Amino acid sequence: MKSSNQNNVEGKIHRVKGKIKENIGKIVNNPDLETEGKNENLKGKIQEKIGQVKKIIGK
C-alpha cells in the first residue's frame, strides 16, 4: 500500500504529465492526445485525493 506522501507526489506527476499532453494535443490539433492528457490529469487529481484521505485517517 502506498503512503499518503507517495500518492500525493505521484498524483502531482500525473497532473503535470496530463497538462503537458493536453497542451501538446491542442497545439498539434490531436484530440486523442488532448483527451489522454485530460484523463491523466484527472487520474492525478484522484490519486492526490486518496493521499489526502489517507493522511486524514492516519494510514
Foldseek 3Di string as FASTA:
>chain_A
DDALVVLLVVLVVLLVQLVVQLVVCVVVVNVVSNVVSVVSNVVSVVSNVVSVVCVVVPD
